[in-house]
Amino acid sequence: MSFCFINRNTFRQNLVSGDKSVLFPILQWLLEKIPEHKERAYLGRYLSKIDIPTEFLSDADIAEQYERVLKPALKYDTEQQVDHTNHRQGVQTTIQPSVNSKAADEKTAFALLASSYFALKDALVKTDAVAAAAHAEAFQAAVKAVDMNKLSHDEHTVWMKVMNKLASDATGITKNKDVAKQRVAFASLSNALYELLKVSKVDGPIYYQHCPMFSEGKGAHWLSKENAVKNPFFGAQMISCGSTVETLN
């Protein structure tokens, strides 16, 4: 695959805009060499990571990827090198088993989603559209922060099903300052998050609650850390309308 005489900026612009002359050769290259790409992806886990020159870290995208991916990998490589050196020199090293580090990562990622959601819910209880938009933006960031490689099989399956819905509903709340419309998007977001938290490791109990009056009597659900009902769909108008229908532990 080659792009003759195309400079980097033009290539990036065409890629972002979806220019067919750029996208199609990339897709062709990817699809024709799937076995090779799978092998590279597998072997890539065992390659030594190199540090990033300081001048490149001024680029926000590179800096974000460095902090999220490369920096932890570099730290791991350094620890492994020290361990191998001690082993060669006859120094006994005791490796303390992590307390389910994978579960901790999953818990951290989904706990961030949950905490942002609960803050959003509380803003809607107060009928505060501005605060709701801000917390929805934080929820969007939490969605982007989830590392799918660290999820269990069940979590990954549900995550693939709901992640786009979570992101789009949060975007709708962020961009819309009409609290009535925010509440409609919140009802949809709550359903998607409920599916995820049912299979996740977030600390409970979390109460799945139902309002029978919302959407002209069609009803809607939401999640809460408290069993006491504080209705986010009507706020002060009908603060206690609803009931707990399920408890997630």
C-alpha atoms as a PDB file:
ATOM      1  CA  MET A   1       0.000   0.000   0.000  1.00  0.00           C
ATOM      2  CA  SER A   2       1.419   3.405  -0.915  1.00  0.00           C
ATOM      3  CA  PHE A   3       0.316   6.999  -1.199  1.00  0.00           C
ATOM      4  CA  CYS A   4       2.525   8.734  -3.718  1.00  0.00           C
ATOM      5  CA  PHE A   5       3.585  12.306  -2.991  1.00  0.00           C
ATOM      6  CA  ILE A   6       0.963  12.906  -0.297  1.00  0.00           C
ATOM      7  CA  ASN A   7       2.105  14.872   2.712  1.00  0.00           C
ATOM      8  CA  ARG A   8       1.218  13.894   6.252  1.00  0.00           C
ATOM      9  CA  ASN A   9      -1.275  16.696   6.905  1.00  0.00           C
ATOM     10  CA  THR A  10      -3.170  16.019   3.684  1.00  0.00           C
ATOM     11  CA  PHE A  11      -3.242  12.303   4.455  1.00  0.00           C
ATOM     12  CA  ARG A  12      -4.630  12.916   7.965  1.00  0.00           C
ATOM     13  CA  GLN A  13      -7.261  15.334   6.697  1.00  0.00           C
ATOM     14  CA  ASN A  14      -8.394  12.911   4.002  1.00  0.00           C
ATOM     15  CA  LEU A  15      -8.462  10.051   6.500  1.00  0.00           C
ATOM     16  CA  VAL A  16     -10.613  11.996   8.970  1.00  0.00           C
ATOM     17  CA  SER A  17     -12.985  13.188   6.244  1.00  0.00           C
ATOM     18  CA  GLY A  18     -13.414   9.636   4.929  1.00  0.00           C
ATOM     19  CA  ASP A  19     -11.852  10.217   1.515  1.00  0.00           C
ATOM     20  CA  LYS A  20     -12.301   6.993  -0.488  1.00  0.00           C
ATOM     21  CA  SER A  21      -8.918   7.325  -2.170  1.00  0.00           C
ATOM     22  CA  VAL A  22      -7.336   6.993   1.281  1.00  0.00           C
ATOM     23  CA  LEU A  23      -9.716   4.627   3.032  1.00  0.00           C
ATOM     24  CA  PHE A  24     -10.123   1.993   0.336  1.00  0.00           C
ATOM     25  CA  PRO A  25      -6.401   1.131  -0.038  1.00  0.00           C
ATOM     26  CA  ILE A  26      -6.139   0.876   3.762  1.00  0.00           C
ATOM     27  CA  LEU A  27      -9.138  -1.442   3.984  1.00  0.00           C
ATOM     28  CA  GLN A  28      -7.835  -3.532   1.089  1.00  0.00           C
ATOM     29  CA  TRP A  29      -4.455  -3.872   2.779  1.00  0.00           C
ATOM     30  CA  LEU A  30      -6.077  -4.857   6.091  1.00  0.00           C
ATOM     31  CA  LEU A  31      -8.492  -7.394   4.625  1.00  0.00           C
ATOM     32  CA  GLU A  32      -5.962  -9.060   2.339  1.00  0.00           C
ATOM     33  CA  LYS A  33      -3.469  -9.629   5.152  1.00  0.00           C
ATOM     34  CA  ILE A  34      -5.625 -10.643   8.115  1.00  0.00           C
ATOM     35  CA  PRO A  35      -3.451 -13.663   9.117  1.00  0.00           C
ATOM     36  CA  GLU A  36      -0.312 -11.502   9.083  1.00  0.00           C
ATOM     37  CA  HIS A  37      -2.009  -8.806  11.168  1.00  0.00           C
ATOM     38  CA  LYS A  38      -3.167 -11.365  13.710  1.00  0.00           C
ATOM     39  CA  GLU A  39       0.373 -12.670  14.031  1.00  0.00           C
ATOM     40  CA  ARG A  40       1.761  -9.146  14.444  1.00  0.00           C
ATOM     41  CA  ALA A  41      -0.841  -8.359  17.095  1.00  0.00           C
ATOM     42  CA  TYR A  42       0.089 -11.509  19.012  1.00  0.00           C
ATOM     43  CA  LEU A  43       3.839 -10.994  18.761  1.00  0.00           C
ATOM     44  CA  GLY A  44       3.460  -7.307  19.580  1.00  0.00           C
ATOM     45  CA  ARG A  45       2.789  -8.195  23.202  1.00  0.00           C
ATOM     46  CA  TYR A  46       6.350  -9.432  23.538  1.00  0.00           C
ATOM     47  CA  LEU A  47       8.164  -6.588  21.805  1.00  0.00           C
ATOM     48  CA  SER A  48      10.246  -4.204  23.868  1.00  0.00           C
ATOM     49  CA  LYS A  49       8.672  -0.790  24.204  1.00  0.00           C
ATOM     50  CA  ILE A  50      10.719   2.312  23.443  1.00  0.00           C
ATOM     51  CA  ASP A  51      10.341   5.629  25.159  1.00  0.00           C
ATOM     52  CA  ILE A  52       8.767   8.509  23.248  1.00  0.00           C
ATOM     53  CA  PRO A  53      10.924  11.575  22.468  1.00  0.00           C
ATOM     54  CA  THR A  54       9.828  14.525  24.592  1.00  0.00           C
ATOM     55  CA  GLU A  55       9.072  16.754  21.616  1.00  0.00           C
ATOM     56  CA  PHE A  56       6.374  14.341  20.388  1.00  0.00           C
ATOM     57  CA  LEU A  57       4.548  14.408  23.716  1.00  0.00           C
ATOM     58  CA  SER A  58       3.393  17.953  22.986  1.00  0.00           C
ATOM     59  CA  ASP A  59       0.855  16.346  20.637  1.00  0.00           C
ATOM     60  CA  ALA A  60      -2.271  15.747  22.750  1.00  0.00           C
ATOM     61  CA  ASP A  61      -3.221  12.486  21.007  1.00  0.00           C
ATOM     62  CA  ILE A  62       0.270  11.012  21.362  1.00  0.00           C
ATOM     63  CA  ALA A  63       0.483  12.125  24.993  1.00  0.00           C
ATOM     64  CA  GLU A  64      -2.857  10.493  25.792  1.00  0.00           C
ATOM     65  CA  GLN A  65      -1.854   7.186  24.209  1.00  0.00           C
ATOM     66  CA  TYR A  66       1.537   7.322  25.934  1.00  0.00           C
ATOM     67  CA  GLU A  67      -0.028   7.759  29.379  1.00  0.00           C
ATOM     68  CA  ARG A  68      -2.649   5.071  28.756  1.00  0.00           C
ATOM     69  CA  VAL A  69      -0.610   2.403  26.983  1.00  0.00           C
ATOM     70  CA  LEU A  70       3.128   2.902  26.655  1.00  0.00           C
ATOM     71  CA  LYS A  71       3.978   4.334  30.072  1.00  0.00           C
ATOM     72  CA  PRO A  72       2.526   1.352  31.997  1.00  0.00           C
ATOM     73  CA  ALA A  73       4.226  -1.017  29.541  1.00  0.00           C
ATOM     74  CA  LEU A  74       7.587   0.708  30.041  1.00  0.00           C
ATOM     75  CA  LYS A  75       7.177   0.451  33.806  1.00  0.00           C
ATOM     76  CA  TYR A  76       6.426  -3.265  33.477  1.00  0.00           C
ATOM     77  CA  ASP A  77       9.463  -3.834  31.239  1.00  0.00           C
ATOM     78  CA  THR A  78      11.704  -2.039  33.745  1.00  0.00           C
ATOM     79  CA  GLU A  79      10.409  -4.181  36.612  1.00  0.00           C
ATOM     80  CA  GLN A  80      10.969  -7.326  34.547  1.00  0.00           C
ATOM     81  CA  GLN A  81      14.528  -6.292  33.688  1.00  0.00           C
ATOM     82  CA  VAL A  82      15.314  -5.696  37.374  1.00  0.00           C
ATOM     83  CA  ASP A  83      13.868  -9.078  38.259  1.00  0.00           C
ATOM     84  CA  HIS A  84      15.922 -10.853  35.557  1.00  0.00           C
ATOM     85  CA  THR A  85      19.092  -9.054  36.703  1.00  0.00           C
ATOM     86  CA  ASN A  86      18.536 -10.104  40.312  1.00  0.00           C
ATOM     87  CA  HIS A  87      17.926 -13.657  39.178  1.00  0.00           C
ATOM     88  CA  ARG A  88      21.216 -13.771  37.234  1.00  0.00           C
ATOM     89  CA  GLN A  89      23.077 -12.372  40.256  1.00  0.00           C
ATOM     90  CA  GLY A  90      21.570 -14.921  42.585  1.00  0.00           C
ATOM     91  CA  VAL A  91      19.401 -12.433  44.429  1.00  0.00           C
ATOM     92  CA  GLN A  92      16.201 -14.018  45.610  1.00  0.00           C
ATOM     93  CA  THR A  93      13.135 -11.974  44.746  1.00  0.00           C
ATOM     94  CA  THR A  94       9.715 -12.571  46.173  1.00  0.00           C
ATOM     95  CA  ILE A  95       6.865 -11.760  43.856  1.00  0.00           C
ATOM     96  CA  GLN A  96       3.758 -10.841  45.774  1.00  0.00           C
ATOM     97  CA  PRO A  97       0.625 -11.985  43.959  1.00  0.00           C
ATOM     98  CA  SER A  98      -1.662  -9.153  43.014  1.00  0.00           C
ATOM     99  CA  VAL A  99      -5.081  -9.133  44.600  1.00  0.00           C
ATOM    100  CA  ASN A 100      -7.012  -9.839  41.436  1.00  0.00           C
ATOM    101  CA  SER A 101      -5.513  -6.931  39.493  1.00  0.00           C
ATOM    102  CA  LYS A 102      -7.743  -7.596  36.479  1.00  0.00           C
ATOM    103  CA  ALA A 103     -10.868  -7.406  38.608  1.00  0.00           C
ATOM    104  CA  ALA A 104      -9.542  -4.193  40.152  1.00  0.00           C
ATOM    105  CA  ASP A 105      -9.074  -2.659  36.692  1.00  0.00           C
ATOM    106  CA  GLU A 106     -12.586  -3.649  35.681  1.00  0.00           C
ATOM    107  CA  LYS A 107     -13.985  -2.329  38.924  1.00  0.00           C
ATOM    108  CA  THR A 108     -12.157   0.969  38.501  1.00  0.00           C
ATOM    109  CA  ALA A 109     -13.361   1.488  34.926  1.00  0.00           C
ATOM    110  CA  PHE A 110     -16.989   0.707  35.638  1.00  0.00           C
ATOM    111  CA  ALA A 111     -16.918   2.494  38.990  1.00  0.00           C
ATOM    112  CA  LEU A 112     -16.015   5.666  37.096  1.00  0.00           C
ATOM    113  CA  LEU A 113     -19.003   5.111  34.808  1.00  0.00           C
ATOM    114  CA  ALA A 114     -21.277   4.544  37.780  1.00  0.00           C
ATOM    115  CA  SER A 115     -20.085   7.572  39.763  1.00  0.00           C
ATOM    116  CA  SER A 116     -20.551   9.850  36.740  1.00  0.00           C
ATOM    117  CA  TYR A 117     -24.000   8.383  36.172  1.00  0.00           C
ATOM    118  CA  PHE A 118     -25.090   8.903  39.780  1.00  0.00           C
ATOM    119  CA  ALA A 119     -23.917  12.539  39.657  1.00  0.00           C
ATOM    120  CA  LEU A 120     -25.944  12.972  36.455  1.00  0.00           C
ATOM    121  CA  LYS A 121     -28.981  11.384  38.105  1.00  0.00           C
ATOM    122  CA  ASP A 122     -28.690  13.716  41.104  1.00  0.00           C
ATOM    123  CA  ALA A 123     -28.540  16.746  38.787  1.00  0.00           C
ATOM    124  CA  LEU A 124     -31.776  15.651  37.115  1.00  0.00           C
ATOM    125  CA  VAL A 125     -33.406  15.130  40.509  1.00  0.00           C
ATOM    126  CA  LYS A 126     -32.633  18.820  41.108  1.00  0.00           C
ATOM    127  CA  THR A 127     -33.809  19.710  37.570  1.00  0.00           C
ATOM    128  CA  ASP A 128     -30.405  21.295  36.933  1.00  0.00           C
ATOM    129  CA  ALA A 129     -29.866  21.052  33.171  1.00  0.00           C
ATOM    130  CA  VAL A 130     -26.448  22.742  33.254  1.00  0.00           C
ATOM    131  CA  ALA A 131     -25.050  20.364  35.880  1.00  0.00           C
ATOM    132  CA  ALA A 132     -26.634  17.406  34.072  1.00  0.00           C
ATOM    133  CA  ALA A 133     -24.843  18.371  30.863  1.00  0.00           C
ATOM    134  CA  ALA A 134     -21.529  18.643  32.709  1.00  0.00           C
ATOM    135  CA  HIS A 135     -21.909  15.248  34.377  1.00  0.00           C
ATOM    136  CA  ALA A 136     -22.965  13.687  31.070  1.00  0.00           C
ATOM    137  CA  GLU A 137     -19.708  14.971  29.589  1.00  0.00           C
ATOM    138  CA  ALA A 138     -17.808  13.305  32.430  1.00  0.00           C
ATOM    139  CA  PHE A 139     -19.746  10.125  31.688  1.00  0.00           C
ATOM    140  CA  GLN A 140     -18.623  10.329  28.052  1.00  0.00           C
ATOM    141  CA  ALA A 141     -15.003  10.501  29.227  1.00  0.00           C
ATOM    142  CA  ALA A 142     -15.583   7.460  31.446  1.00  0.00           C
ATOM    143  CA  VAL A 143     -16.952   5.523  28.464  1.00  0.00           C
ATOM    144  CA  LYS A 144     -13.805   6.312  26.474  1.00  0.00           C
ATOM    145  CA  ALA A 145     -11.609   5.282  29.403  1.00  0.00           C
ATOM    146  CA  VAL A 146     -12.880   1.694  29.530  1.00  0.00           C
ATOM    147  CA  ASP A 147     -10.200  -0.732  28.343  1.00  0.00           C
ATOM    148  CA  MET A 148     -11.999  -3.619  26.642  1.00  0.00           C
ATOM    149  CA  ASN A 149      -8.904  -5.825  26.879  1.00  0.00           C
ATOM    150  CA  LYS A 150      -9.323  -5.945  30.657  1.00  0.00           C
ATOM    151  CA  LEU A 151     -12.961  -7.036  30.685  1.00  0.00           C
ATOM    152  CA  SER A 152     -14.256 -10.498  31.415  1.00  0.00           C
ATOM    153  CA  HIS A 153     -16.003 -12.410  28.642  1.00  0.00           C
ATOM    154  CA  ASP A 154     -19.487 -11.516  29.911  1.00  0.00           C
ATOM    155  CA  GLU A 155     -18.574  -7.882  30.474  1.00  0.00           C
ATOM    156  CA  HIS A 156     -16.996  -7.616  27.043  1.00  0.00           C
ATOM    157  CA  THR A 157     -20.082  -9.095  25.387  1.00  0.00           C
ATOM    158  CA  VAL A 158     -22.427  -6.611  27.050  1.00  0.00           C
ATOM    159  CA  TRP A 159     -19.995  -3.726  26.608  1.00  0.00           C
ATOM    160  CA  MET A 160     -19.885  -4.252  22.846  1.00  0.00           C
ATOM    161  CA  LYS A 161     -23.666  -4.198  22.847  1.00  0.00           C
ATOM    162  CA  VAL A 162     -24.178  -1.007  24.893  1.00  0.00           C
ATOM    163  CA  MET A 163     -21.083   1.178  24.538  1.00  0.00           C
ATOM    164  CA  ASN A 164     -22.307   3.129  21.507  1.00  0.00           C
ATOM    165  CA  LYS A 165     -25.704   3.651  23.134  1.00  0.00           C
ATOM    166  CA  LEU A 166     -24.088   4.912  26.330  1.00  0.00           C
ATOM    167  CA  ALA A 167     -21.937   7.350  24.380  1.00  0.00           C
ATOM    168  CA  SER A 168     -24.732   8.631  22.135  1.00  0.00           C
ATOM    169  CA  ASP A 169     -27.200   9.126  24.995  1.00  0.00           C
ATOM    170  CA  ALA A 170     -24.573  10.973  27.036  1.00  0.00           C
ATOM    171  CA  THR A 171     -23.812  13.169  24.024  1.00  0.00           C
ATOM    172  CA  GLY A 172     -27.507  13.967  23.692  1.00  0.00           C
ATOM    173  CA  ILE A 173     -27.643  15.115  27.311  1.00  0.00           C
ATOM    174  CA  THR A 174     -24.442  17.150  26.990  1.00  0.00           C
ATOM    175  CA  LYS A 175     -25.545  19.016  23.877  1.00  0.00           C
ATOM    176  CA  ASN A 176     -29.138  19.624  24.947  1.00  0.00           C
ATOM    177  CA  LYS A 177     -29.894  22.081  27.752  1.00  0.00           C
ATOM    178  CA  ASP A 178     -33.636  21.279  27.707  1.00  0.00           C
ATOM    179  CA  VAL A 179     -34.087  19.187  30.863  1.00  0.00           C
ATOM    180  CA  ALA A 180     -37.160  17.418  29.449  1.00  0.00           C
ATOM    181  CA  LYS A 181     -35.126  16.120  26.507  1.00  0.00           C
ATOM    182  CA  GLN A 182     -32.211  15.314  28.805  1.00  0.00           C
ATOM    183  CA  ARG A 183     -34.526  13.095  30.828  1.00  0.00           C
ATOM    184  CA  VAL A 184     -35.623  11.173  27.732  1.00  0.00           C
ATOM    185  CA  ALA A 185     -31.981  10.454  26.862  1.00  0.00           C
ATOM    186  CA  PHE A 186     -31.277   9.609  30.513  1.00  0.00           C
ATOM    187  CA  ALA A 187     -34.013   6.944  30.490  1.00  0.00           C
ATOM    188  CA  SER A 188     -32.370   5.279  27.483  1.00  0.00           C
ATOM    189  CA  LEU A 189     -28.896   5.591  29.012  1.00  0.00           C
ATOM    190  CA  SER A 190     -30.143   4.033  32.264  1.00  0.00           C
ATOM    191  CA  ASN A 191     -31.421   0.946  30.449  1.00  0.00           C
ATOM    192  CA  ALA A 192     -28.059   0.427  28.738  1.00  0.00           C
ATOM    193  CA  LEU A 193     -26.066   0.951  31.937  1.00  0.00           C
ATOM    194  CA  TYR A 194     -28.315  -1.455  33.818  1.00  0.00           C
ATOM    195  CA  GLU A 195     -27.444  -4.214  31.327  1.00  0.00           C
ATOM    196  CA  LEU A 196     -23.751  -3.557  31.919  1.00  0.00           C
ATOM    197  CA  LEU A 197     -23.841  -3.293  35.709  1.00  0.00           C
ATOM    198  CA  LYS A 198     -25.729  -6.595  35.971  1.00  0.00           C
ATOM    199  CA  VAL A 199     -22.552  -8.389  34.859  1.00  0.00           C
ATOM    200  CA  SER A 200     -19.955  -6.020  36.310  1.00  0.00           C
ATOM    201  CA  LYS A 201     -17.967  -5.859  39.539  1.00  0.00           C
ATOM    202  CA  VAL A 202     -19.030  -2.407  40.734  1.00  0.00           C
ATOM    203  CA  ASP A 203     -19.597  -2.208  44.483  1.00  0.00           C
ATOM    204  CA  GLY A 204     -23.223  -2.643  45.455  1.00  0.00           C
ATOM    205  CA  PRO A 205     -25.877  -2.501  46.386  1.00  0.00           C
ATOM    206  CA  ILE A 206     -27.238  -0.547  43.428  1.00  0.00           C
ATOM    207  CA  TYR A 207     -30.991  -0.109  43.255  1.00  0.00           C
ATOM    208  CA  TYR A 208     -32.846  -0.408  39.957  1.00  0.00           C
ATOM    209  CA  GLN A 209     -35.900   1.802  40.306  1.00  0.00           C
ATOM    210  CA  HIS A 210     -39.019   2.417  38.247  1.00  0.00           C
ATOM    211  CA  CYS A 211     -41.190   5.464  37.600  1.00  0.00           C
ATOM    212  CA  PRO A 212     -44.604   4.460  36.204  1.00  0.00           C
ATOM    213  CA  MET A 213     -45.618   7.993  35.195  1.00  0.00           C
ATOM    214  CA  PHE A 214     -42.818   9.059  32.862  1.00  0.00           C
ATOM    215  CA  SER A 215     -43.357   9.289  29.095  1.00  0.00           C
ATOM    216  CA  GLU A 216     -47.149   9.585  29.335  1.00  0.00           C
ATOM    217  CA  GLY A 217     -47.497   6.523  31.519  1.00  0.00           C
ATOM    218  CA  LYS A 218     -45.077   4.296  29.591  1.00  0.00           C
ATOM    219  CA  GLY A 219     -42.696   4.443  32.527  1.00  0.00           C
ATOM    220  CA  ALA A 220     -38.912   4.458  32.809  1.00  0.00           C
ATOM    221  CA  HIS A 221     -36.152   3.065  34.996  1.00  0.00           C
ATOM    222  CA  TRP A 222     -33.083   4.509  36.646  1.00  0.00           C
ATOM    223  CA  LEU A 223     -30.257   3.350  38.938  1.00  0.00           C
ATOM    224  CA  SER A 224     -29.517   4.683  42.403  1.00  0.00           C
ATOM    225  CA  LYS A 225     -27.087   4.112  45.274  1.00  0.00           C
ATOM    226  CA  GLU A 226     -29.976   4.759  47.684  1.00  0.00           C
ATOM    227  CA  ASN A 227     -33.062   2.646  48.212  1.00  0.00           C
ATOM    228  CA  ALA A 228     -35.046   5.779  49.042  1.00  0.00           C
ATOM    229  CA  VAL A 229     -36.727   7.004  45.853  1.00  0.00           C
ATOM    230  CA  LYS A 230     -35.654  10.363  44.447  1.00  0.00           C
ATOM    231  CA  ASN A 231     -37.223  10.575  41.017  1.00  0.00           C
ATOM    232  CA  PRO A 232     -34.905  12.067  38.330  1.00  0.00           C
ATOM    233  CA  PHE A 233     -37.697  12.237  35.729  1.00  0.00           C
ATOM    234  CA  PHE A 234     -39.910  14.682  37.624  1.00  0.00           C
ATOM    235  CA  GLY A 235     -37.679  16.128  40.324  1.00  0.00           C
ATOM    236  CA  ALA A 236     -39.491  18.147  42.991  1.00  0.00           C
ATOM    237  CA  GLN A 237     -42.839  17.762  41.196  1.00  0.00           C
ATOM    238  CA  MET A 238     -43.039  14.049  42.107  1.00  0.00           C
ATOM    239  CA  ILE A 239     -39.833  13.385  44.014  1.00  0.00           C
ATOM    240  CA  SER A 240     -41.035  10.158  45.660  1.00  0.00           C
ATOM    241  CA  CYS A 241     -42.858   8.694  42.656  1.00  0.00           C
ATOM    242  CA  GLY A 242     -41.533   5.228  41.935  1.00  0.00           C
ATOM    243  CA  SER A 243     -40.248   2.077  43.583  1.00  0.00           C
ATOM    244  CA  THR A 244     -37.242  -0.243  43.705  1.00  0.00           C
ATOM    245  CA  VAL A 245     -37.767  -3.241  41.447  1.00  0.00           C
ATOM    246  CA  GLU A 246     -34.345  -4.925  41.691  1.00  0.00           C
ATOM    247  CA  THR A 247     -31.184  -4.737  43.763  1.00  0.00           C
ATOM    248  CA  LEU A 248     -27.776  -5.325  42.134  1.00  0.00           C
ATOM    249  CA  ASN A 249     -25.089  -6.595  44.522  1.00  0.00           C
END
